[in-house]
Amino acid sequence: MHGFICIVSKEPIGSSYKPEWKAQFDFETKKIKRELIGEYFHLEQFTSTRFFDEKIWINTDELLCVSEGTILNLAQLKQKYKATNTSELI
């Protein structure tokens, strides 16, 4: 199973938490893992490379936004709103 998981705690998490993703079958599309770990949180995404550019992973000082779903008209939205990347668009 792929997707993303986020754990947020009032107590420091440290390296005590590590999600275990289901092993891939040979016929499945290759998966990529992205993670963001802080003292009080752990965010991890294990996702298919299919439609990878349409999935959102934005991590800035002002915003954290993750989406496992695809935005099929992302290129058109960027063009319509004159955004050079997804962060600008959002």
Protein backbone atom coordinates (compact mmCIF):
# COMPACT_ATOMS: atom_id res chain seq x y z
CA MET A 1 0.00 0.00 0.00
CA HIS A 2 1.32 3.44 -0.76
CA GLY A 3 0.29 6.87 0.44
CA PHE A 4 1.47 9.18 3.17
CA ILE A 5 1.43 9.27 6.94
CA CYS A 6 1.95 12.11 9.40
CA ILE A 7 2.51 11.71 13.13
CA VAL A 8 2.46 14.80 15.37
CA SER A 9 3.17 14.54 19.08
CA LYS A 10 3.32 16.78 22.15
CA GLU A 11 6.41 14.81 23.19
CA PRO A 12 9.60 14.52 21.13
CA ILE A 13 9.40 11.63 18.69
CA GLY A 14 13.06 11.38 17.79
CA SER A 15 13.96 8.32 15.75
CA SER A 16 11.61 6.01 17.68
CA TYR A 17 8.96 6.01 14.94
CA LYS A 18 9.60 4.46 11.56
CA PRO A 19 6.69 3.44 9.31
CA GLU A 20 6.93 0.09 7.55
CA TRP A 21 5.45 0.08 4.07
CA LYS A 22 4.14 -3.06 2.41
CA ALA A 23 6.70 -4.76 0.20
CA GLN A 24 6.19 -4.16 -3.50
CA PHE A 25 5.26 -6.86 -5.96
CA ASP A 26 7.45 -7.21 -9.05
CA PHE A 27 4.65 -6.02 -11.35
CA GLU A 28 3.97 -2.78 -9.42
CA THR A 29 5.12 0.63 -10.59
CA LYS A 30 8.33 1.78 -8.91
CA LYS A 31 7.79 3.75 -5.68
CA ILE A 32 9.63 6.78 -4.28
CA LYS A 33 9.90 7.68 -0.61
CA ARG A 34 9.99 11.28 0.65
CA GLU A 35 10.17 12.22 4.31
CA LEU A 36 10.27 15.20 6.61
CA ILE A 37 11.27 14.58 10.22
CA GLY A 38 11.29 17.03 13.09
CA GLU A 39 11.52 16.76 16.85
CA TYR A 40 7.73 16.55 17.25
CA PHE A 41 6.59 15.18 13.88
CA HIS A 42 7.30 12.61 11.21
CA LEU A 43 5.84 12.92 7.72
CA GLU A 44 6.54 10.28 5.13
CA GLN A 45 5.23 9.64 1.64
CA PHE A 46 5.71 6.37 -0.23
CA THR A 47 4.27 6.93 -3.67
CA SER A 48 4.22 5.60 -7.19
CA THR A 49 6.36 7.27 -9.82
CA ARG A 50 3.26 7.35 -12.03
CA PHE A 51 1.95 10.94 -12.23
CA PHE A 52 4.73 11.93 -9.81
CA ASP A 53 4.90 15.52 -11.10
CA GLU A 54 1.19 16.01 -10.36
CA LYS A 55 1.51 14.97 -6.70
CA ILE A 56 2.17 17.79 -4.28
CA TRP A 57 5.04 17.95 -1.80
CA ILE A 58 5.58 21.56 -0.78
CA ASN A 59 7.72 22.37 2.22
CA THR A 60 8.53 26.03 2.77
CA ASP A 61 8.85 28.27 5.83
CA GLU A 62 5.22 29.30 5.32
CA LEU A 63 3.54 26.12 4.09
CA LEU A 64 3.59 22.34 4.29
CA CYS A 65 1.25 20.71 1.77
CA VAL A 66 1.25 17.06 0.67
CA SER A 67 -1.15 15.34 -1.70
CA GLU A 68 -1.19 11.72 -2.76
CA GLY A 69 -3.84 12.34 -5.39
CA THR A 70 -3.03 13.69 -8.80
CA ILE A 71 -4.05 17.04 -10.24
CA LEU A 72 -4.53 16.13 -13.87
CA ASN A 73 -4.91 19.73 -15.09
CA LEU A 74 -1.90 21.05 -13.14
CA ALA A 75 -0.10 22.33 -16.25
CA GLN A 76 -3.21 24.23 -17.38
CA LEU A 77 -3.70 25.75 -13.93
CA LYS A 78 -0.07 26.93 -13.81
CA GLN A 79 -0.46 28.50 -17.25
CA LYS A 80 -3.81 30.13 -16.41
CA TYR A 81 -2.50 31.70 -13.18
CA LYS A 82 1.00 32.35 -14.56
CA ALA A 83 2.69 30.22 -11.90
CA THR A 84 6.13 28.79 -12.58
CA ASN A 85 5.70 25.97 -10.04
CA THR A 86 3.10 24.32 -7.81
CA SER A 87 4.11 26.31 -4.71
CA GLU A 88 3.39 29.56 -6.54
CA LEU A 89 0.07 28.21 -7.74
CA ILE A 90 -1.12 27.26 -4.26
